[in-house]
Amino acid sequence: MAMLGAAVAAAGIALATPNYTASLVARVPEHCQAAAAGWLSSVHVLGQGIGALCGGVAFAIDPALPFWTCAAIGAALAACTVLLPMRAPDHRAA
């Protein structure tokens, strides 16, 4: 089950990453797009490192704690998306 979960999570990340990178790049001026993508990449690396450390500590406390922590964070983020304004991306030629 753990391998199946890892495969499903990896597939989700592989599908989501290009989409939210494109969404970020579409929201910034053309001359800032490379910097925005670079910052996003840096945040990914930091998040993965911090997540691995925190997950290891949480697993040492209780093996189910990383799962419940991720579920709580996911639920909180899903609830926060309700507050985001819906806006269609501007695809006009510059």
N, C-alpha and C. Protein backbone atom coordinates (compact mmCIF):
# COMPACT_ATOMS: atom_id res chain seq x y z
N MET A 1 0.82 -1.20 0.00
CA MET A 1 0.00 0.00 0.00
C MET A 1 0.86 1.26 0.00
N ALA A 2 1.99 1.20 0.70
CA ALA A 2 2.86 2.38 0.74
C ALA A 2 3.40 2.70 -0.65
N MET A 3 3.77 1.67 -1.40
CA MET A 3 4.30 1.90 -2.75
C MET A 3 3.20 2.46 -3.66
N LEU A 4 1.98 1.97 -3.52
CA LEU A 4 0.87 2.48 -4.31
C LEU A 4 0.61 3.95 -3.95
N GLY A 5 0.64 4.25 -2.68
CA GLY A 5 0.45 5.63 -2.23
C GLY A 5 1.54 6.55 -2.77
N ALA A 6 2.78 6.07 -2.75
CA ALA A 6 3.88 6.87 -3.28
C ALA A 6 3.73 7.10 -4.78
N ALA A 7 3.28 6.07 -5.50
CA ALA A 7 3.09 6.20 -6.95
C ALA A 7 1.97 7.19 -7.27
N VAL A 8 0.88 7.13 -6.52
CA VAL A 8 -0.23 8.05 -6.74
C VAL A 8 0.19 9.49 -6.40
N ALA A 9 0.93 9.66 -5.30
CA ALA A 9 1.40 10.99 -4.93
C ALA A 9 2.36 11.54 -5.98
N ALA A 10 3.26 10.69 -6.47
CA ALA A 10 4.21 11.13 -7.49
C ALA A 10 3.49 11.52 -8.78
N ALA A 11 2.47 10.76 -9.15
CA ALA A 11 1.70 11.10 -10.35
C ALA A 11 0.98 12.44 -10.16
N GLY A 12 0.44 12.68 -8.99
CA GLY A 12 -0.22 13.95 -8.70
C GLY A 12 0.74 15.11 -8.77
N ILE A 13 1.93 14.93 -8.22
CA ILE A 13 2.94 15.99 -8.26
C ILE A 13 3.38 16.24 -9.70
N ALA A 14 3.57 15.15 -10.46
CA ALA A 14 4.01 15.30 -11.86
C ALA A 14 2.98 16.04 -12.69
N LEU A 15 1.71 15.87 -12.38
CA LEU A 15 0.65 16.57 -13.12
C LEU A 15 0.43 17.99 -12.61
N ALA A 16 0.58 18.21 -11.33
CA ALA A 16 0.27 19.52 -10.75
C ALA A 16 1.38 20.54 -10.96
N THR A 17 2.63 20.13 -10.85
CA THR A 17 3.74 21.07 -10.89
C THR A 17 3.76 21.94 -12.15
N PRO A 18 3.68 21.37 -13.36
CA PRO A 18 3.69 22.25 -14.53
C PRO A 18 2.48 23.18 -14.58
N ASN A 19 1.35 22.73 -14.06
CA ASN A 19 0.15 23.56 -14.09
C ASN A 19 0.26 24.77 -13.16
N TYR A 20 0.71 24.57 -11.94
CA TYR A 20 0.80 25.75 -11.08
C TYR A 20 2.01 26.60 -11.40
N THR A 21 3.04 26.03 -12.02
CA THR A 21 4.14 26.86 -12.50
C THR A 21 3.66 27.77 -13.63
N ALA A 22 2.89 27.21 -14.56
CA ALA A 22 2.34 28.02 -15.65
C ALA A 22 1.39 29.08 -15.12
N SER A 23 0.61 28.75 -14.10
CA SER A 23 -0.30 29.72 -13.51
C SER A 23 0.47 30.87 -12.88
N LEU A 24 1.55 30.55 -12.18
CA LEU A 24 2.37 31.60 -11.57
C LEU A 24 3.00 32.48 -12.64
N VAL A 25 3.58 31.87 -13.65
CA VAL A 25 4.26 32.62 -14.70
C VAL A 25 3.28 33.51 -15.46
N ALA A 26 2.04 33.07 -15.62
CA ALA A 26 1.04 33.86 -16.33
C ALA A 26 0.63 35.10 -15.54
N ARG A 27 0.86 35.10 -14.24
CA ARG A 27 0.42 36.21 -13.39
C ARG A 27 1.48 37.29 -13.18
N VAL A 28 2.68 37.07 -13.67
CA VAL A 28 3.73 38.07 -13.47
C VAL A 28 4.14 38.65 -14.83
N PRO A 29 4.70 39.85 -14.84
CA PRO A 29 5.15 40.44 -16.11
C PRO A 29 6.21 39.56 -16.78
N GLU A 30 6.31 39.69 -18.07
CA GLU A 30 7.20 38.83 -18.85
C GLU A 30 8.65 38.90 -18.38
N HIS A 31 9.12 40.08 -18.00
CA HIS A 31 10.51 40.20 -17.58
C HIS A 31 10.78 39.60 -16.20
N CYS A 32 9.74 39.20 -15.46
CA CYS A 32 9.89 38.61 -14.13
C CYS A 32 9.59 37.11 -14.11
N GLN A 33 9.22 36.54 -15.24
CA GLN A 33 8.78 35.15 -15.26
C GLN A 33 9.87 34.16 -14.86
N ALA A 34 11.09 34.36 -15.34
CA ALA A 34 12.17 33.44 -14.98
C ALA A 34 12.48 33.50 -13.49
N ALA A 35 12.47 34.70 -12.93
CA ALA A 35 12.73 34.84 -11.50
C ALA A 35 11.63 34.17 -10.68
N ALA A 36 10.38 34.33 -11.10
CA ALA A 36 9.26 33.70 -10.38
C ALA A 36 9.38 32.18 -10.42
N ALA A 37 9.72 31.63 -11.58
CA ALA A 37 9.89 30.18 -11.70
C ALA A 37 11.08 29.71 -10.85
N GLY A 38 12.13 30.50 -10.78
CA GLY A 38 13.28 30.16 -9.95
C GLY A 38 12.94 30.15 -8.47
N TRP A 39 12.19 31.16 -8.03
CA TRP A 39 11.76 31.19 -6.63
C TRP A 39 10.88 30.00 -6.31
N LEU A 40 9.98 29.64 -7.21
CA LEU A 40 9.11 28.49 -6.99
C LEU A 40 9.94 27.22 -6.87
N SER A 41 10.94 27.05 -7.70
CA SER A 41 11.81 25.89 -7.63
C SER A 41 12.57 25.85 -6.30
N SER A 42 13.04 27.00 -5.85
CA SER A 42 13.74 27.07 -4.56
C SER A 42 12.82 26.69 -3.41
N VAL A 43 11.59 27.16 -3.46
CA VAL A 43 10.63 26.83 -2.41
C VAL A 43 10.34 25.33 -2.40
N HIS A 44 10.29 24.72 -3.58
CA HIS A 44 10.10 23.26 -3.64
C HIS A 44 11.21 22.53 -2.91
N VAL A 45 12.44 22.90 -3.19
CA VAL A 45 13.59 22.23 -2.57
C VAL A 45 13.57 22.42 -1.06
N LEU A 46 13.33 23.65 -0.61
CA LEU A 46 13.26 23.91 0.83
C LEU A 46 12.12 23.13 1.48
N GLY A 47 10.97 23.13 0.82
CA GLY A 47 9.82 22.42 1.36
C GLY A 47 10.05 20.92 1.46
N GLN A 48 10.70 20.35 0.46
CA GLN A 48 10.97 18.91 0.50
C GLN A 48 11.96 18.57 1.60
N GLY A 49 12.97 19.41 1.78
CA GLY A 49 13.93 19.17 2.86
C GLY A 49 13.32 19.31 4.24
N ILE A 50 12.59 20.38 4.42
CA ILE A 50 11.93 20.60 5.72
C ILE A 50 10.88 19.53 5.97
N GLY A 51 10.14 19.18 4.91
CA GLY A 51 9.11 18.14 5.05
C GLY A 51 9.69 16.80 5.45
N ALA A 52 10.84 16.45 4.89
CA ALA A 52 11.48 15.18 5.24
C ALA A 52 11.91 15.17 6.71
N LEU A 53 12.46 16.29 7.16
CA LEU A 53 12.88 16.37 8.56
C LEU A 53 11.67 16.33 9.51
N CYS A 54 10.66 17.12 9.21
CA CYS A 54 9.47 17.17 10.07
C CYS A 54 8.73 15.84 10.03
N GLY A 55 8.66 15.23 8.84
CA GLY A 55 7.99 13.93 8.74
C GLY A 55 8.69 12.85 9.55
N GLY A 56 10.01 12.89 9.54
CA GLY A 56 10.76 11.91 10.33
C GLY A 56 10.53 12.08 11.82
N VAL A 57 10.52 13.32 12.28
CA VAL A 57 10.26 13.59 13.70
C VAL A 57 8.83 13.20 14.05
N ALA A 58 7.88 13.57 13.19
CA ALA A 58 6.47 13.23 13.46
C ALA A 58 6.29 11.72 13.50
N PHE A 59 6.95 11.00 12.60
CA PHE A 59 6.84 9.53 12.58
C PHE A 59 7.43 8.93 13.86
N ALA A 60 8.50 9.54 14.37
CA ALA A 60 9.09 9.05 15.62
C ALA A 60 8.14 9.25 16.80
N ILE A 61 7.36 10.33 16.75
CA ILE A 61 6.39 10.59 17.82
C ILE A 61 5.25 9.58 17.75
N ASP A 62 4.68 9.42 16.55
CA ASP A 62 3.58 8.47 16.33
C ASP A 62 3.54 8.15 14.84
N PRO A 63 3.56 6.89 14.45
CA PRO A 63 3.59 6.54 13.02
C PRO A 63 2.43 7.11 12.20
N ALA A 64 1.30 7.39 12.81
CA ALA A 64 0.17 7.95 12.07
C ALA A 64 0.19 9.47 12.01
N LEU A 65 1.05 10.11 12.79
CA LEU A 65 1.06 11.58 12.87
C LEU A 65 1.36 12.26 11.53
N PRO A 66 2.33 11.79 10.71
CA PRO A 66 2.54 12.46 9.43
C PRO A 66 1.29 12.44 8.53
N PHE A 67 0.59 11.32 8.51
CA PHE A 67 -0.64 11.23 7.71
C PHE A 67 -1.67 12.24 8.18
N TRP A 68 -1.93 12.28 9.48
CA TRP A 68 -2.96 13.18 10.00
C TRP A 68 -2.55 14.64 9.86
N THR A 69 -1.26 14.92 9.98
CA THR A 69 -0.78 16.29 9.79
C THR A 69 -1.01 16.73 8.35
N CYS A 70 -0.65 15.86 7.40
CA CYS A 70 -0.85 16.20 5.97
C CYS A 70 -2.33 16.35 5.66
N ALA A 71 -3.17 15.49 6.22
CA ALA A 71 -4.61 15.59 5.99
C ALA A 71 -5.15 16.91 6.53
N ALA A 72 -4.69 17.31 7.71
CA ALA A 72 -5.16 18.57 8.30
C ALA A 72 -4.69 19.78 7.48
N ILE A 73 -3.43 19.75 7.02
CA ILE A 73 -2.92 20.85 6.21
C ILE A 73 -3.67 20.91 4.88
N GLY A 74 -3.91 19.75 4.27
CA GLY A 74 -4.65 19.70 3.01
C GLY A 74 -6.07 20.24 3.17
N ALA A 75 -6.73 19.87 4.25
CA ALA A 75 -8.08 20.36 4.49
C ALA A 75 -8.09 21.87 4.71
N ALA A 76 -7.10 22.37 5.45
CA ALA A 76 -7.02 23.81 5.69
C ALA A 76 -6.76 24.56 4.38
N LEU A 77 -5.87 24.05 3.54
CA LEU A 77 -5.60 24.70 2.26
C LEU A 77 -6.81 24.64 1.33
N ALA A 78 -7.51 23.52 1.34
CA ALA A 78 -8.72 23.41 0.52
C ALA A 78 -9.77 24.42 0.98
N ALA A 79 -9.89 24.61 2.28
CA ALA A 79 -10.84 25.59 2.80
C ALA A 79 -10.42 27.01 2.43
N CYS A 80 -9.11 27.26 2.40
CA CYS A 80 -8.62 28.60 2.04
C CYS A 80 -8.84 28.93 0.57
N THR A 81 -8.93 27.93 -0.29
CA THR A 81 -9.14 28.21 -1.71
C THR A 81 -10.49 28.87 -1.96
N VAL A 82 -11.41 28.71 -1.05
CA VAL A 82 -12.71 29.36 -1.17
C VAL A 82 -12.54 30.88 -1.13
N LEU A 83 -11.51 31.35 -0.43
CA LEU A 83 -11.29 32.78 -0.28
C LEU A 83 -10.55 33.40 -1.46
N LEU A 84 -9.97 32.58 -2.32
CA LEU A 84 -9.22 33.12 -3.46
C LEU A 84 -10.17 33.65 -4.52
N PRO A 85 -9.84 34.81 -5.08
CA PRO A 85 -10.70 35.33 -6.15
C PRO A 85 -10.53 34.50 -7.42
N MET A 86 -11.62 34.24 -8.10
CA MET A 86 -11.57 33.51 -9.37
C MET A 86 -11.34 34.52 -10.48
N ARG A 87 -10.30 34.29 -11.28
CA ARG A 87 -9.94 35.23 -12.32
C ARG A 87 -9.44 34.42 -13.50
N ALA A 88 -9.93 34.72 -14.66
CA ALA A 88 -9.44 34.03 -15.86
C ALA A 88 -8.10 34.62 -16.24
N PRO A 89 -7.14 33.78 -16.67
CA PRO A 89 -5.84 34.31 -17.08
C PRO A 89 -5.97 35.16 -18.35
N ASP A 90 -5.13 36.18 -18.44
CA ASP A 90 -5.13 37.09 -19.57
C ASP A 90 -4.19 36.53 -20.64
N HIS A 91 -4.73 36.08 -21.75
CA HIS A 91 -3.93 35.49 -22.82
C HIS A 91 -3.74 36.42 -24.01
N ARG A 92 -3.89 37.71 -23.77
CA ARG A 92 -3.69 38.67 -24.88
C ARG A 92 -2.23 38.72 -25.27
N ALA A 93 -1.99 38.89 -26.56
CA ALA A 93 -0.61 39.02 -27.05
C ALA A 93 -0.04 40.35 -26.61
N ALA A 94 1.22 40.34 -26.22
CA ALA A 94 1.86 41.57 -25.74
C ALA A 94 2.31 42.44 -26.89
